[in-house]
Amino acid sequence: LQSVIPPAVTEQGESLDMPVTEESEPADNSEEEAGYFILPVDGEILKKYDSEHLQYSNTHGDMRIHLGLDIKPKNSVDVVSAAKGVVTKIEENTTKGTVVTIEHVDGIVIRYAGVKNLNVKENDELFAGDILGEVGTVSNECGDEPHIHLEVIKNGKEINPEEVFDIN
């Protein structure tokens, strides 16, 4: 597996720069063991998570809540694992496209929706930066630019992805 390690993002709509490495295993896993998470796409935040305020949907032409974090790729279309973890499920979802679910540390599960050209399979053990596939299509958000849709679950409850990703 190839690895790509992106930095944090600062504002919605700001670009990210992401260095590329050739190794799939990080030299030092201490940050991963402590619950360190990286953004899985080098790009721009299109939509943030908001369970209370409506956001406009280009696909549906209406206002609705948004229970995920959408990131549009900048240069690379690679989608990478946010942290060390195990692929627990890969499914085709009619509203989210191909969804890769990874169980990470500290009860964190991340659903990576809209992934194509998969590079992983169920039960694969991954490190932060291992390539899952490429940015594909999120069916329910096809009116938006191509992007990845992330949903984060902690101890069985959906949470704002900003609780695990540093995107101040």
N, C-alpha and C. Protein backbone atom coordinates (compact mmCIF):
# COMPACT_ATOMS: atom_id res chain seq x y z
N LEU A 1 0.83 -1.19 0.00
CA LEU A 1 0.00 0.00 0.00
C LEU A 1 0.87 1.24 0.00
N GLN A 2 0.44 2.28 -0.70
CA GLN A 2 1.14 3.55 -0.69
C GLN A 2 0.56 4.41 0.41
N SER A 3 1.34 5.37 0.90
CA SER A 3 0.86 6.27 1.92
C SER A 3 0.97 7.71 1.48
N VAL A 4 0.03 8.52 1.95
CA VAL A 4 0.04 9.94 1.72
C VAL A 4 -0.37 10.58 3.03
N ILE A 5 0.40 11.53 3.52
CA ILE A 5 0.10 12.14 4.81
C ILE A 5 -0.26 13.61 4.61
N PRO A 6 -1.56 13.98 4.75
CA PRO A 6 -1.95 15.38 4.61
C PRO A 6 -1.93 16.11 5.96
N PRO A 7 -1.71 17.44 5.95
CA PRO A 7 -1.78 18.23 7.18
C PRO A 7 -3.22 18.62 7.48
N ALA A 8 -3.42 19.37 8.56
CA ALA A 8 -4.76 19.83 8.92
C ALA A 8 -5.17 20.99 8.02
N VAL A 9 -6.46 21.26 8.00
CA VAL A 9 -7.01 22.38 7.24
C VAL A 9 -7.39 23.45 8.24
N THR A 10 -7.42 24.72 7.82
CA THR A 10 -7.69 25.78 8.77
C THR A 10 -9.09 26.37 8.68
N GLU A 11 -9.64 26.56 7.51
CA GLU A 11 -10.94 27.18 7.35
C GLU A 11 -11.74 26.47 6.28
N GLN A 12 -13.06 26.56 6.35
CA GLN A 12 -13.89 26.01 5.29
C GLN A 12 -13.55 26.75 4.00
N GLY A 13 -13.28 26.00 2.94
CA GLY A 13 -12.95 26.59 1.66
C GLY A 13 -11.48 26.82 1.44
N GLU A 14 -10.63 26.62 2.45
CA GLU A 14 -9.19 26.79 2.27
C GLU A 14 -8.57 25.53 1.71
N SER A 15 -7.50 25.71 0.95
CA SER A 15 -6.80 24.57 0.37
C SER A 15 -5.84 23.96 1.37
N LEU A 16 -5.50 22.69 1.12
CA LEU A 16 -4.54 21.97 1.94
C LEU A 16 -3.39 21.56 1.05
N ASP A 17 -2.20 21.51 1.59
CA ASP A 17 -1.06 20.96 0.87
C ASP A 17 -0.70 19.65 1.55
N MET A 18 -0.32 18.64 0.76
CA MET A 18 -0.12 17.32 1.32
C MET A 18 1.14 16.70 0.75
N PRO A 19 2.17 16.42 1.61
CA PRO A 19 3.36 15.74 1.12
C PRO A 19 3.07 14.27 0.85
N VAL A 20 3.82 13.69 -0.04
CA VAL A 20 3.64 12.28 -0.40
C VAL A 20 4.86 11.51 0.05
N THR A 21 4.63 10.33 0.63
CA THR A 21 5.73 9.46 1.02
C THR A 21 5.57 8.13 0.31
N GLU A 22 6.63 7.37 0.24
CA GLU A 22 6.59 6.09 -0.46
C GLU A 22 6.32 4.91 0.47
N GLU A 23 6.51 5.07 1.75
CA GLU A 23 6.36 3.97 2.70
C GLU A 23 4.92 3.86 3.18
N SER A 24 4.43 2.64 3.38
CA SER A 24 3.08 2.49 3.89
C SER A 24 3.03 2.46 5.41
N GLU A 25 4.15 2.14 6.05
CA GLU A 25 4.18 2.13 7.51
C GLU A 25 4.93 3.35 8.01
N PRO A 26 4.32 4.15 8.89
CA PRO A 26 5.03 5.31 9.41
C PRO A 26 6.23 4.86 10.25
N ALA A 27 7.25 5.70 10.28
CA ALA A 27 8.45 5.38 11.03
C ALA A 27 8.15 5.33 12.53
N ASP A 28 7.23 6.18 12.99
CA ASP A 28 6.90 6.25 14.41
C ASP A 28 5.38 6.23 14.56
N ASN A 29 4.84 5.18 15.16
CA ASN A 29 3.39 5.04 15.31
C ASN A 29 2.86 5.65 16.61
N SER A 30 3.69 6.35 17.39
CA SER A 30 3.25 6.83 18.69
C SER A 30 2.08 7.80 18.57
N GLU A 31 2.06 8.68 17.54
CA GLU A 31 0.93 9.59 17.38
C GLU A 31 -0.34 8.82 17.08
N GLU A 32 -0.26 7.77 16.25
CA GLU A 32 -1.44 6.99 15.91
C GLU A 32 -1.99 6.29 17.15
N GLU A 33 -1.12 5.76 17.97
CA GLU A 33 -1.58 5.05 19.17
C GLU A 33 -2.33 6.00 20.10
N ALA A 34 -2.00 7.30 20.04
CA ALA A 34 -2.64 8.28 20.92
C ALA A 34 -3.93 8.82 20.31
N GLY A 35 -4.35 8.32 19.16
CA GLY A 35 -5.58 8.79 18.55
C GLY A 35 -5.36 9.94 17.58
N TYR A 36 -4.24 9.98 16.91
CA TYR A 36 -3.91 11.02 15.95
C TYR A 36 -4.62 10.74 14.63
N PHE A 37 -5.33 11.75 14.09
CA PHE A 37 -6.06 11.59 12.84
C PHE A 37 -5.61 12.64 11.83
N ILE A 38 -5.45 12.21 10.57
CA ILE A 38 -5.13 13.12 9.48
C ILE A 38 -6.34 13.22 8.55
N LEU A 39 -6.43 14.31 7.80
CA LEU A 39 -7.51 14.41 6.82
C LEU A 39 -7.24 13.45 5.69
N PRO A 40 -8.26 12.72 5.24
CA PRO A 40 -8.06 11.68 4.23
C PRO A 40 -7.97 12.17 2.79
N VAL A 41 -8.16 13.46 2.56
CA VAL A 41 -8.08 14.01 1.21
C VAL A 41 -7.35 15.34 1.26
N ASP A 42 -6.45 15.55 0.28
CA ASP A 42 -5.77 16.83 0.12
C ASP A 42 -6.70 17.73 -0.66
N GLY A 43 -7.30 18.71 0.00
CA GLY A 43 -8.23 19.55 -0.73
C GLY A 43 -8.87 20.66 0.08
N GLU A 44 -10.09 20.97 -0.30
CA GLU A 44 -10.83 22.11 0.24
C GLU A 44 -12.12 21.61 0.88
N ILE A 45 -12.45 22.17 2.05
CA ILE A 45 -13.70 21.82 2.72
C ILE A 45 -14.86 22.44 1.94
N LEU A 46 -15.77 21.59 1.45
CA LEU A 46 -16.96 22.08 0.75
C LEU A 46 -18.10 22.35 1.72
N LYS A 47 -18.34 21.38 2.61
CA LYS A 47 -19.40 21.51 3.60
C LYS A 47 -18.93 20.89 4.90
N LYS A 48 -19.24 21.60 6.00
CA LYS A 48 -18.95 21.07 7.32
C LYS A 48 -20.19 20.37 7.87
N TYR A 49 -19.98 19.59 8.90
CA TYR A 49 -21.05 18.90 9.63
C TYR A 49 -21.91 19.95 10.33
N ASP A 50 -23.21 19.79 10.25
CA ASP A 50 -24.12 20.65 11.01
C ASP A 50 -25.44 19.92 11.19
N SER A 51 -25.70 19.49 12.41
CA SER A 51 -26.92 18.74 12.69
C SER A 51 -28.09 19.64 13.09
N GLU A 52 -27.85 20.96 13.16
CA GLU A 52 -28.89 21.88 13.61
C GLU A 52 -29.31 22.90 12.57
N HIS A 53 -28.37 23.34 11.72
CA HIS A 53 -28.66 24.39 10.75
C HIS A 53 -28.71 23.82 9.34
N LEU A 54 -29.66 24.29 8.57
CA LEU A 54 -29.82 23.80 7.21
C LEU A 54 -28.75 24.37 6.28
N GLN A 55 -28.30 23.53 5.35
CA GLN A 55 -27.36 23.95 4.31
C GLN A 55 -28.00 23.66 2.96
N TYR A 56 -27.66 24.46 1.97
CA TYR A 56 -28.25 24.29 0.65
C TYR A 56 -27.66 23.07 -0.04
N SER A 57 -28.53 22.24 -0.63
CA SER A 57 -28.12 21.07 -1.40
C SER A 57 -28.25 21.39 -2.88
N ASN A 58 -27.10 21.42 -3.60
CA ASN A 58 -27.13 21.66 -5.04
C ASN A 58 -27.85 20.53 -5.77
N THR A 59 -27.74 19.33 -5.26
CA THR A 59 -28.36 18.16 -5.89
C THR A 59 -29.87 18.21 -5.80
N HIS A 60 -30.39 18.53 -4.63
CA HIS A 60 -31.83 18.48 -4.39
C HIS A 60 -32.51 19.84 -4.52
N GLY A 61 -31.70 20.91 -4.57
CA GLY A 61 -32.27 22.25 -4.70
C GLY A 61 -33.06 22.68 -3.49
N ASP A 62 -32.66 22.21 -2.30
CA ASP A 62 -33.36 22.58 -1.08
C ASP A 62 -32.38 22.71 0.07
N MET A 63 -32.90 23.04 1.24
CA MET A 63 -32.10 23.18 2.44
C MET A 63 -32.26 21.91 3.28
N ARG A 64 -31.14 21.42 3.87
CA ARG A 64 -31.18 20.21 4.69
C ARG A 64 -29.97 20.20 5.62
N ILE A 65 -30.08 19.40 6.69
CA ILE A 65 -28.94 19.26 7.59
C ILE A 65 -27.86 18.44 6.88
N HIS A 66 -26.63 18.59 7.34
CA HIS A 66 -25.51 17.87 6.71
C HIS A 66 -24.74 17.14 7.80
N LEU A 67 -24.84 15.81 7.80
CA LEU A 67 -24.25 15.00 8.87
C LEU A 67 -22.91 14.39 8.45
N GLY A 68 -22.07 15.19 7.86
CA GLY A 68 -20.75 14.74 7.46
C GLY A 68 -19.85 15.92 7.16
N LEU A 69 -18.66 15.60 6.70
CA LEU A 69 -17.68 16.60 6.30
C LEU A 69 -17.32 16.29 4.85
N ASP A 70 -17.49 17.27 3.95
CA ASP A 70 -17.20 17.07 2.54
C ASP A 70 -15.90 17.78 2.17
N ILE A 71 -14.98 17.04 1.52
CA ILE A 71 -13.71 17.60 1.11
C ILE A 71 -13.52 17.35 -0.38
N LYS A 72 -13.30 18.43 -1.12
CA LYS A 72 -13.03 18.38 -2.56
C LYS A 72 -11.52 18.26 -2.77
N PRO A 73 -11.07 17.32 -3.61
CA PRO A 73 -9.62 17.17 -3.81
C PRO A 73 -9.01 18.37 -4.53
N LYS A 74 -7.75 18.67 -4.17
CA LYS A 74 -7.03 19.77 -4.80
C LYS A 74 -6.16 19.23 -5.93
N ASN A 75 -5.10 18.52 -5.59
CA ASN A 75 -4.19 17.98 -6.60
C ASN A 75 -4.39 16.48 -6.76
N SER A 76 -4.18 15.75 -5.69
CA SER A 76 -4.31 14.29 -5.72
C SER A 76 -5.76 13.90 -5.49
N VAL A 77 -6.20 12.84 -6.14
CA VAL A 77 -7.55 12.33 -5.91
C VAL A 77 -7.54 11.17 -4.94
N ASP A 78 -6.37 10.88 -4.35
CA ASP A 78 -6.26 9.78 -3.40
C ASP A 78 -7.05 10.05 -2.13
N VAL A 79 -7.70 8.99 -1.63
CA VAL A 79 -8.36 9.00 -0.34
C VAL A 79 -7.54 8.08 0.55
N VAL A 80 -7.10 8.59 1.71
CA VAL A 80 -6.23 7.80 2.59
C VAL A 80 -6.89 7.54 3.94
N SER A 81 -6.39 6.54 4.62
CA SER A 81 -6.86 6.24 5.97
C SER A 81 -6.45 7.37 6.90
N ALA A 82 -7.38 7.82 7.74
CA ALA A 82 -7.12 8.93 8.65
C ALA A 82 -6.24 8.54 9.83
N ALA A 83 -6.15 7.26 10.11
CA ALA A 83 -5.36 6.77 11.24
C ALA A 83 -5.22 5.26 11.10
N LYS A 84 -4.47 4.68 12.00
CA LYS A 84 -4.34 3.23 12.04
C LYS A 84 -5.73 2.63 12.30
N GLY A 85 -6.04 1.53 11.60
CA GLY A 85 -7.34 0.92 11.80
C GLY A 85 -7.54 -0.31 10.95
N VAL A 86 -8.75 -0.85 11.01
CA VAL A 86 -9.11 -2.06 10.26
C VAL A 86 -10.36 -1.77 9.44
N VAL A 87 -10.33 -2.15 8.16
CA VAL A 87 -11.50 -2.01 7.29
C VAL A 87 -12.53 -3.04 7.75
N THR A 88 -13.67 -2.56 8.26
CA THR A 88 -14.68 -3.47 8.77
C THR A 88 -15.81 -3.72 7.77
N LYS A 89 -15.98 -2.80 6.81
CA LYS A 89 -17.07 -2.98 5.86
C LYS A 89 -16.80 -2.15 4.60
N ILE A 90 -17.17 -2.72 3.46
CA ILE A 90 -17.18 -1.99 2.18
C ILE A 90 -18.53 -2.28 1.57
N GLU A 91 -19.26 -1.22 1.23
CA GLU A 91 -20.60 -1.41 0.69
C GLU A 91 -20.91 -0.40 -0.41
N GLU A 92 -21.83 -0.80 -1.29
CA GLU A 92 -22.39 0.11 -2.28
C GLU A 92 -23.68 0.65 -1.68
N ASN A 93 -23.76 1.98 -1.52
CA ASN A 93 -24.91 2.62 -0.91
C ASN A 93 -25.58 3.49 -1.96
N THR A 94 -26.90 3.41 -2.09
CA THR A 94 -27.59 4.15 -3.14
C THR A 94 -27.48 5.66 -2.99
N THR A 95 -27.33 6.16 -1.76
CA THR A 95 -27.22 7.61 -1.57
C THR A 95 -25.79 8.11 -1.37
N LYS A 96 -24.88 7.22 -0.99
CA LYS A 96 -23.51 7.65 -0.67
C LYS A 96 -22.45 7.08 -1.58
N GLY A 97 -22.81 6.24 -2.54
CA GLY A 97 -21.81 5.61 -3.40
C GLY A 97 -21.10 4.50 -2.65
N THR A 98 -19.84 4.25 -3.00
CA THR A 98 -19.07 3.22 -2.30
C THR A 98 -18.61 3.78 -0.96
N VAL A 99 -18.92 3.05 0.11
CA VAL A 99 -18.58 3.48 1.47
C VAL A 99 -17.60 2.48 2.07
N VAL A 100 -16.45 3.01 2.53
CA VAL A 100 -15.45 2.20 3.23
C VAL A 100 -15.55 2.58 4.70
N THR A 101 -15.79 1.59 5.55
CA THR A 101 -15.89 1.83 6.99
C THR A 101 -14.65 1.27 7.66
N ILE A 102 -14.00 2.14 8.46
CA ILE A 102 -12.77 1.75 9.15
C ILE A 102 -12.93 1.98 10.65
N GLU A 103 -12.61 0.96 11.42
CA GLU A 103 -12.60 1.08 12.87
C GLU A 103 -11.21 1.51 13.28
N HIS A 104 -11.14 2.71 13.90
CA HIS A 104 -9.87 3.28 14.33
C HIS A 104 -9.73 3.12 15.85
N VAL A 105 -8.85 3.87 16.46
CA VAL A 105 -8.60 3.80 17.90
C VAL A 105 -9.69 4.51 18.71
N ASP A 106 -9.73 4.25 20.00
CA ASP A 106 -10.57 4.97 20.95
C ASP A 106 -12.07 4.96 20.60
N GLY A 107 -12.57 3.86 20.01
CA GLY A 107 -13.99 3.77 19.70
C GLY A 107 -14.41 4.62 18.51
N ILE A 108 -13.46 5.10 17.71
CA ILE A 108 -13.75 5.93 16.54
C ILE A 108 -13.91 5.06 15.30
N VAL A 109 -15.03 5.23 14.61
CA VAL A 109 -15.29 4.59 13.33
C VAL A 109 -15.52 5.70 12.32
N ILE A 110 -14.88 5.60 11.17
CA ILE A 110 -15.08 6.61 10.12
C ILE A 110 -15.63 5.92 8.88
N ARG A 111 -16.70 6.52 8.33
CA ARG A 111 -17.26 6.08 7.06
C ARG A 111 -16.74 7.04 5.99
N TYR A 112 -16.03 6.50 5.03
CA TYR A 112 -15.47 7.26 3.91
C TYR A 112 -16.40 7.01 2.72
N ALA A 113 -17.25 7.97 2.37
CA ALA A 113 -18.24 7.77 1.31
C ALA A 113 -17.80 8.45 0.02
N GLY A 114 -18.09 7.77 -1.11
CA GLY A 114 -17.76 8.30 -2.41
C GLY A 114 -16.36 7.89 -2.87
N VAL A 115 -15.93 6.69 -2.51
CA VAL A 115 -14.59 6.20 -2.88
C VAL A 115 -14.72 5.30 -4.11
N LYS A 116 -13.81 5.44 -5.06
CA LYS A 116 -13.80 4.56 -6.24
C LYS A 116 -12.40 3.97 -6.41
N ASN A 117 -12.28 3.03 -7.31
CA ASN A 117 -10.98 2.37 -7.58
C ASN A 117 -10.32 1.92 -6.28
N LEU A 118 -11.05 1.12 -5.53
CA LEU A 118 -10.60 0.69 -4.20
C LEU A 118 -9.25 -0.02 -4.23
N ASN A 119 -8.47 0.27 -3.20
CA ASN A 119 -7.15 -0.32 -3.01
C ASN A 119 -7.13 -1.18 -1.74
N VAL A 120 -8.31 -1.36 -1.11
CA VAL A 120 -8.41 -2.11 0.15
C VAL A 120 -9.56 -3.09 0.06
N LYS A 121 -9.58 -4.01 1.03
CA LYS A 121 -10.69 -4.96 1.15
C LYS A 121 -11.02 -5.11 2.63
N GLU A 122 -12.15 -5.72 2.93
CA GLU A 122 -12.55 -5.92 4.32
C GLU A 122 -11.48 -6.70 5.06
N ASN A 123 -11.28 -6.35 6.32
CA ASN A 123 -10.31 -6.93 7.25
C ASN A 123 -8.87 -6.47 7.02
N ASP A 124 -8.61 -5.58 6.04
CA ASP A 124 -7.26 -5.04 5.87
C ASP A 124 -6.90 -4.19 7.08
N GLU A 125 -5.67 -4.34 7.56
CA GLU A 125 -5.14 -3.49 8.62
C GLU A 125 -4.37 -2.36 7.96
N LEU A 126 -4.66 -1.13 8.38
CA LEU A 126 -4.10 0.05 7.73
C LEU A 126 -3.37 0.95 8.71
N PHE A 127 -2.48 1.76 8.15
CA PHE A 127 -1.82 2.83 8.89
C PHE A 127 -2.33 4.16 8.36
N ALA A 128 -2.15 5.23 9.11
CA ALA A 128 -2.50 6.56 8.64
C ALA A 128 -1.77 6.82 7.33
N GLY A 129 -2.50 7.27 6.32
CA GLY A 129 -1.90 7.59 5.04
C GLY A 129 -1.97 6.48 4.01
N ASP A 130 -2.37 5.27 4.40
CA ASP A 130 -2.53 4.20 3.42
C ASP A 130 -3.68 4.56 2.48
N ILE A 131 -3.47 4.37 1.19
CA ILE A 131 -4.47 4.76 0.18
C ILE A 131 -5.62 3.75 0.15
N LEU A 132 -6.84 4.28 0.33
CA LEU A 132 -8.05 3.47 0.26
C LEU A 132 -8.55 3.33 -1.18
N GLY A 133 -8.40 4.39 -1.94
CA GLY A 133 -8.89 4.47 -3.31
C GLY A 133 -8.81 5.91 -3.77
N GLU A 134 -9.75 6.29 -4.64
CA GLU A 134 -9.78 7.65 -5.18
C GLU A 134 -11.13 8.29 -4.91
N VAL A 135 -11.15 9.62 -4.95
CA VAL A 135 -12.40 10.35 -4.81
C VAL A 135 -13.31 9.98 -5.96
N GLY A 136 -14.52 9.55 -5.63
CA GLY A 136 -15.49 9.15 -6.64
C GLY A 136 -16.71 10.04 -6.57
N THR A 137 -17.88 9.41 -6.48
CA THR A 137 -19.15 10.15 -6.49
C THR A 137 -19.96 9.80 -5.25
N VAL A 138 -20.51 10.84 -4.62
CA VAL A 138 -21.47 10.66 -3.53
C VAL A 138 -22.83 10.89 -4.19
N SER A 139 -23.57 9.82 -4.42
CA SER A 139 -24.81 9.88 -5.21
C SER A 139 -25.78 10.96 -4.74
N ASN A 140 -25.96 11.08 -3.44
CA ASN A 140 -26.92 12.03 -2.88
C ASN A 140 -26.41 13.47 -2.95
N GLU A 141 -25.15 13.66 -3.37
CA GLU A 141 -24.57 14.99 -3.45
C GLU A 141 -23.91 15.20 -4.82
N CYS A 142 -24.46 14.57 -5.86
CA CYS A 142 -23.85 14.62 -7.19
C CYS A 142 -23.91 16.00 -7.82
N GLY A 143 -24.73 16.92 -7.30
CA GLY A 143 -24.78 18.30 -7.80
C GLY A 143 -23.60 19.12 -7.32
N ASP A 144 -22.86 18.61 -6.34
CA ASP A 144 -21.67 19.29 -5.85
C ASP A 144 -20.47 18.81 -6.65
N GLU A 145 -19.36 19.53 -6.52
CA GLU A 145 -18.13 19.10 -7.17
C GLU A 145 -17.72 17.74 -6.58
N PRO A 146 -16.93 16.94 -7.34
CA PRO A 146 -16.47 15.66 -6.79
C PRO A 146 -15.79 15.86 -5.43
N HIS A 147 -16.14 15.00 -4.49
CA HIS A 147 -15.61 15.13 -3.13
C HIS A 147 -15.77 13.82 -2.37
N ILE A 148 -15.16 13.78 -1.21
CA ILE A 148 -15.33 12.65 -0.30
C ILE A 148 -16.23 13.14 0.84
N HIS A 149 -17.12 12.28 1.30
CA HIS A 149 -18.03 12.61 2.41
C HIS A 149 -17.62 11.74 3.59
N LEU A 150 -17.30 12.37 4.71
CA LEU A 150 -16.84 11.64 5.91
C LEU A 150 -17.88 11.71 7.01
N GLU A 151 -18.14 10.58 7.62
CA GLU A 151 -19.00 10.51 8.80
C GLU A 151 -18.20 9.85 9.90
N VAL A 152 -18.27 10.42 11.10
CA VAL A 152 -17.50 9.91 12.24
C VAL A 152 -18.44 9.44 13.33
N ILE A 153 -18.18 8.24 13.83
CA ILE A 153 -18.97 7.65 14.91
C ILE A 153 -18.01 7.38 16.07
N LYS A 154 -18.38 7.82 17.26
CA LYS A 154 -17.56 7.55 18.45
C LYS A 154 -18.43 6.80 19.45
N ASN A 155 -17.96 5.61 19.83
CA ASN A 155 -18.70 4.77 20.78
C ASN A 155 -20.16 4.60 20.37
N GLY A 156 -20.40 4.39 19.06
CA GLY A 156 -21.73 4.11 18.54
C GLY A 156 -22.59 5.32 18.25
N LYS A 157 -22.09 6.55 18.48
CA LYS A 157 -22.88 7.76 18.27
C LYS A 157 -22.20 8.65 17.24
N GLU A 158 -23.00 9.13 16.24
CA GLU A 158 -22.44 10.05 15.24
C GLU A 158 -22.00 11.33 15.94
N ILE A 159 -20.79 11.81 15.55
CA ILE A 159 -20.27 13.05 16.11
C ILE A 159 -19.79 13.95 14.97
N ASN A 160 -19.55 15.20 15.30
CA ASN A 160 -19.00 16.15 14.35
C ASN A 160 -17.56 15.73 14.03
N PRO A 161 -17.22 15.55 12.74
CA PRO A 161 -15.85 15.16 12.39
C PRO A 161 -14.78 16.10 12.93
N GLU A 162 -15.14 17.35 13.19
CA GLU A 162 -14.17 18.30 13.74
C GLU A 162 -13.68 17.88 15.12
N GLU A 163 -14.39 16.95 15.76
CA GLU A 163 -13.93 16.46 17.06
C GLU A 163 -12.71 15.56 16.94
N VAL A 164 -12.46 15.01 15.74
CA VAL A 164 -11.27 14.17 15.55
C VAL A 164 -10.27 14.75 14.55
N PHE A 165 -10.76 15.63 13.65
CA PHE A 165 -9.86 16.27 12.68
C PHE A 165 -9.63 17.71 13.09
N ASP A 166 -8.40 18.18 12.97
CA ASP A 166 -8.07 19.55 13.31
C ASP A 166 -8.29 20.44 12.07
N ILE A 167 -9.49 21.02 11.96
CA ILE A 167 -9.78 21.86 10.81
C ILE A 167 -10.22 23.25 11.24
N ASN A 168 -9.80 23.70 12.40
CA ASN A 168 -10.18 25.02 12.92
C ASN A 168 -10.31 25.99 11.81
